[in-house]
N, C-alpha and C. Protein backbone atom coordinates (compact mmCIF):
# COMPACT_ATOMS: atom_id res chain seq x y z
N MET A 1 60.78 45.86 123.92
CA MET A 1 62.60 45.37 123.56
C MET A 1 62.37 44.16 122.87
N PRO A 2 63.38 44.62 122.22
CA PRO A 2 63.40 43.46 121.29
C PRO A 2 64.17 41.64 121.54
N THR A 3 64.23 40.84 121.22
CA THR A 3 64.54 39.74 122.00
C THR A 3 65.40 38.74 120.78
N HIS A 4 65.79 39.24 119.51
CA HIS A 4 66.31 38.50 118.91
C HIS A 4 67.40 39.21 119.35
N LYS A 5 68.63 38.57 118.73
CA LYS A 5 70.00 39.11 118.67
C LYS A 5 70.45 40.58 117.78
N SER A 6 69.49 40.46 116.81
CA SER A 6 70.02 41.35 115.09
C SER A 6 68.72 42.76 115.89
N ALA A 7 67.84 42.37 116.03
CA ALA A 7 66.72 43.75 116.53
C ALA A 7 67.55 44.43 118.01
N MET A 8 68.20 43.78 118.69
CA MET A 8 68.71 44.34 119.25
C MET A 8 69.95 45.48 119.29
N LYS A 9 70.93 45.15 117.81
CA LYS A 9 72.06 45.36 117.81
C LYS A 9 71.49 46.99 116.31
N ARG A 10 70.40 46.14 115.93
CA ARG A 10 69.76 47.42 115.14
C ARG A 10 68.75 48.51 115.89
N MET A 11 68.29 48.28 116.88
CA MET A 11 68.11 49.38 118.07
C MET A 11 69.49 50.27 118.89
N ARG A 12 70.41 49.50 118.86
CA ARG A 12 71.62 50.30 118.84
C ARG A 12 72.20 51.20 117.98
N GLN A 13 72.35 50.52 116.80
CA GLN A 13 72.42 51.74 115.39
C GLN A 13 71.95 52.43 115.28
N ASN A 14 70.12 52.70 115.46
CA ASN A 14 69.62 52.95 115.31
C ASN A 14 69.73 54.51 116.25
N GLU A 15 69.86 54.10 117.60
CA GLU A 15 69.80 54.96 118.94
C GLU A 15 71.19 56.24 117.97
N LYS A 16 72.22 55.16 117.75
CA LYS A 16 73.71 56.18 117.44
C LYS A 16 73.35 56.87 116.56
N ARG A 17 72.66 56.52 115.55
CA ARG A 17 72.27 57.33 114.52
C ARG A 17 72.15 58.51 114.37
N ARG A 18 70.70 58.36 115.32
CA ARG A 18 70.06 59.02 115.61
C ARG A 18 70.64 60.39 116.29
N VAL A 19 71.36 59.95 117.08
CA VAL A 19 71.96 61.23 117.88
C VAL A 19 73.28 61.80 116.58
N VAL A 20 74.00 61.08 116.16
CA VAL A 20 74.48 61.39 115.25
C VAL A 20 73.62 62.57 114.18
N ASN A 21 72.86 62.20 113.39
CA ASN A 21 71.74 63.56 112.52
C ASN A 21 71.33 64.09 113.19
N LYS A 22 71.04 63.71 114.02
CA LYS A 22 70.11 65.03 116.10
C LYS A 22 71.42 66.20 115.57
N SER A 23 72.63 65.95 115.49
CA SER A 23 73.63 67.32 116.15
C SER A 23 73.99 68.25 114.84
N ASN A 24 74.30 66.90 113.91
CA ASN A 24 73.98 67.51 112.35
C ASN A 24 72.84 68.64 111.60
N ARG A 25 72.07 68.36 112.32
CA ARG A 25 70.95 68.61 111.50
C ARG A 25 70.75 70.21 112.52
N THR A 26 71.07 69.96 113.76
CA THR A 26 70.93 71.00 114.92
C THR A 26 72.11 72.42 114.28
N HIS A 27 73.55 71.49 114.00
CA HIS A 27 74.62 72.38 113.54
C HIS A 27 73.85 72.98 112.43
N LEU A 28 73.29 72.41 111.10
CA LEU A 28 73.19 72.95 110.25
C LEU A 28 72.26 74.03 110.24
N ARG A 29 71.24 73.86 111.13
CA ARG A 29 70.33 75.08 111.46
C ARG A 29 70.32 76.11 112.48
N LYS A 30 71.41 76.39 112.83
CA LYS A 30 72.15 77.29 113.82
C LYS A 30 73.21 77.91 112.71
N GLU A 31 73.62 77.43 111.49
CA GLU A 31 74.89 78.19 110.56
C GLU A 31 73.94 78.94 109.95
N LEU A 32 72.42 78.35 109.34
CA LEU A 32 71.07 78.75 108.77
C LEU A 32 70.94 80.37 109.01
N LYS A 33 70.97 79.97 110.73
CA LYS A 33 70.61 81.25 111.61
C LYS A 33 71.21 82.30 111.19
N SER A 34 72.44 82.22 111.53
CA SER A 34 73.65 83.33 111.53
C SER A 34 74.10 83.90 110.12
N PHE A 35 73.46 83.10 109.10
CA PHE A 35 73.57 83.34 107.62
C PHE A 35 72.29 83.85 107.51
N ARG A 36 71.46 84.03 107.67
CA ARG A 36 70.66 85.20 107.70
C ARG A 36 70.29 86.32 107.92
N GLY A 37 70.78 86.68 109.70
CA GLY A 37 71.11 87.06 110.42
C GLY A 37 72.31 88.49 109.97
N LEU A 38 73.26 88.19 108.84
CA LEU A 38 73.79 88.80 108.54
C LEU A 38 73.79 90.09 107.43
N GLU A 39 74.28 91.36 106.46
CA GLU A 39 73.68 92.26 106.34
C GLU A 39 73.83 91.03 104.97
N ALA A 40 72.45 92.11 104.07
CA ALA A 40 72.54 91.53 102.10
C ALA A 40 73.84 92.61 102.03
N GLY A 41 74.58 91.86 100.75
CA GLY A 41 75.88 92.36 100.17
C GLY A 41 77.05 91.87 100.57
N GLU A 42 78.39 92.15 100.56
CA GLU A 42 79.47 92.23 101.03
C GLU A 42 79.54 90.80 102.27
N PRO A 43 79.13 91.89 103.62
CA PRO A 43 79.42 90.17 104.52
C PRO A 43 78.44 89.21 104.12
N ALA A 44 77.36 88.80 103.18
CA ALA A 44 76.68 87.67 103.28
C ALA A 44 77.72 87.19 101.92
N LYS A 45 77.74 87.88 101.08
CA LYS A 45 78.49 87.24 99.59
C LYS A 45 80.36 86.74 100.49
N ALA A 46 80.92 87.32 101.36
CA ALA A 46 81.83 86.33 101.94
C ALA A 46 81.79 85.10 102.13
N GLN A 47 80.35 84.77 102.90
CA GLN A 47 80.15 83.26 103.93
C GLN A 47 79.44 82.72 102.72
N TYR A 48 78.71 83.22 102.03
CA TYR A 48 78.36 82.23 100.88
C TYR A 48 78.83 80.54 100.02
N PRO A 49 79.91 81.04 100.50
CA PRO A 49 80.36 79.75 100.33
C PRO A 49 80.21 78.93 101.07
N ARG A 50 81.07 79.15 102.44
CA ARG A 50 80.78 78.45 103.45
C ARG A 50 79.42 78.15 104.10
N ILE A 51 78.65 78.47 103.40
CA ILE A 51 77.05 78.57 104.04
C ILE A 51 76.53 76.98 102.34
N ALA A 52 77.02 77.32 101.53
CA ALA A 52 76.69 76.32 100.53
C ALA A 52 77.49 75.41 100.71
N SER A 53 78.55 74.91 101.12
CA SER A 53 78.84 73.75 101.66
C SER A 53 78.57 73.06 102.32
N GLU A 54 78.30 73.44 103.53
CA GLU A 54 77.72 73.36 104.66
C GLU A 54 76.39 72.42 104.12
N ILE A 55 75.44 73.36 103.40
CA ILE A 55 74.54 72.68 103.06
C ILE A 55 74.27 71.56 102.20
N ASP A 56 75.36 71.48 100.99
CA ASP A 56 75.81 70.74 100.55
C ASP A 56 76.29 68.96 101.32
N LYS A 57 77.16 69.31 102.15
CA LYS A 57 77.24 67.50 103.19
C LYS A 57 76.46 67.47 103.80
N ALA A 58 75.40 68.54 104.16
CA ALA A 58 74.11 67.56 104.96
C ALA A 58 73.06 67.15 103.86
N ALA A 59 73.30 67.73 102.59
CA ALA A 59 72.16 66.70 101.82
C ALA A 59 72.85 65.26 101.10
N LYS A 60 74.72 65.29 101.16
CA LYS A 60 75.38 64.01 101.40
C LYS A 60 74.59 63.49 101.90
N LYS A 61 74.91 63.64 103.88
CA LYS A 61 75.08 62.67 104.82
C LYS A 61 73.20 62.40 105.08
N GLY A 62 72.30 62.87 103.40
CA GLY A 62 70.96 62.41 104.20
C GLY A 62 70.40 63.08 104.95
N ILE A 63 70.92 64.24 105.34
CA ILE A 63 70.14 65.05 106.77
C ILE A 63 68.73 66.05 106.13
N ILE A 64 68.99 66.71 105.09
CA ILE A 64 67.87 67.03 104.02
C ILE A 64 68.01 66.35 102.58
N HIS A 65 66.78 66.73 102.23
CA HIS A 65 66.92 66.49 100.52
C HIS A 65 68.08 66.77 99.73
N HIS A 66 68.10 66.39 98.35
CA HIS A 66 68.91 66.80 97.66
C HIS A 66 68.12 68.24 97.37
N ARG A 67 67.04 68.72 96.42
CA ARG A 67 66.07 69.59 96.02
C ARG A 67 65.84 70.33 96.74
N THR A 68 66.23 70.32 98.50
CA THR A 68 65.59 71.42 99.52
C THR A 68 67.04 71.46 99.95
N ALA A 69 68.38 70.75 99.22
CA ALA A 69 69.51 71.83 99.77
C ALA A 69 69.63 72.68 98.35
N ALA A 70 69.03 72.18 97.46
CA ALA A 70 69.26 73.26 95.67
C ALA A 70 67.95 74.25 96.54
N ARG A 71 67.12 74.20 96.71
CA ARG A 71 66.83 75.87 97.13
C ARG A 71 66.47 76.24 97.84
N LEU A 72 67.70 75.89 99.27
CA LEU A 72 68.07 76.87 100.06
C LEU A 72 69.33 77.36 99.37
N ARG A 73 69.91 76.91 98.24
CA ARG A 73 71.23 77.14 98.45
C ARG A 73 70.57 78.85 97.08
N SER A 74 69.53 78.54 96.35
CA SER A 74 68.90 79.32 95.69
C SER A 74 68.06 80.59 96.56
N ARG A 75 67.78 80.65 97.58
CA ARG A 75 66.77 81.80 97.90
C ARG A 75 68.22 82.78 98.98
N LEU A 76 69.69 81.17 99.44
CA LEU A 76 70.12 82.32 100.11
C LEU A 76 71.35 83.32 99.42
N SER A 77 71.47 82.62 97.98
CA SER A 77 71.99 82.65 97.16
C SER A 77 72.17 84.68 97.00
N ARG A 78 70.43 84.72 96.53
CA ARG A 78 69.39 86.11 96.23
C ARG A 78 70.22 87.22 97.65
N LYS A 79 70.39 86.78 99.00
CA LYS A 79 71.17 87.17 99.65
C LYS A 79 72.36 88.07 99.37
N THR A 80 73.16 87.87 98.75
CA THR A 80 74.78 88.33 98.39
C THR A 80 74.22 88.83 97.43
N ARG A 81 73.21 88.98 96.67
CA ARG A 81 72.83 90.14 95.45
C ARG A 81 72.45 91.29 96.00
N THR A 82 73.42 92.09 95.04
CA THR A 82 73.09 93.86 96.12
C THR A 82 72.37 94.69 94.48
N ALA A 83 70.99 95.32 94.98
CA ALA A 83 70.04 95.63 94.07
C ALA A 83 70.81 97.14 93.70
């Protein structure tokens, strides 16, 4: 346990942020899983803007790296294309 007042405060802040980050990360993973479960083509094409927005928000909040976000968007956009 920390003994300095500032260290105690930092510990409280870290715990609150950890909970929020975990919630955001879980939400993103659930969204990605549901998107990957869609059929390729029209169903995925209709949902792509929503999932791309979720990915961008996660990158902006620091939940995932911005290049990871770009890679995810790229891979998921292939699902929306029909052969």
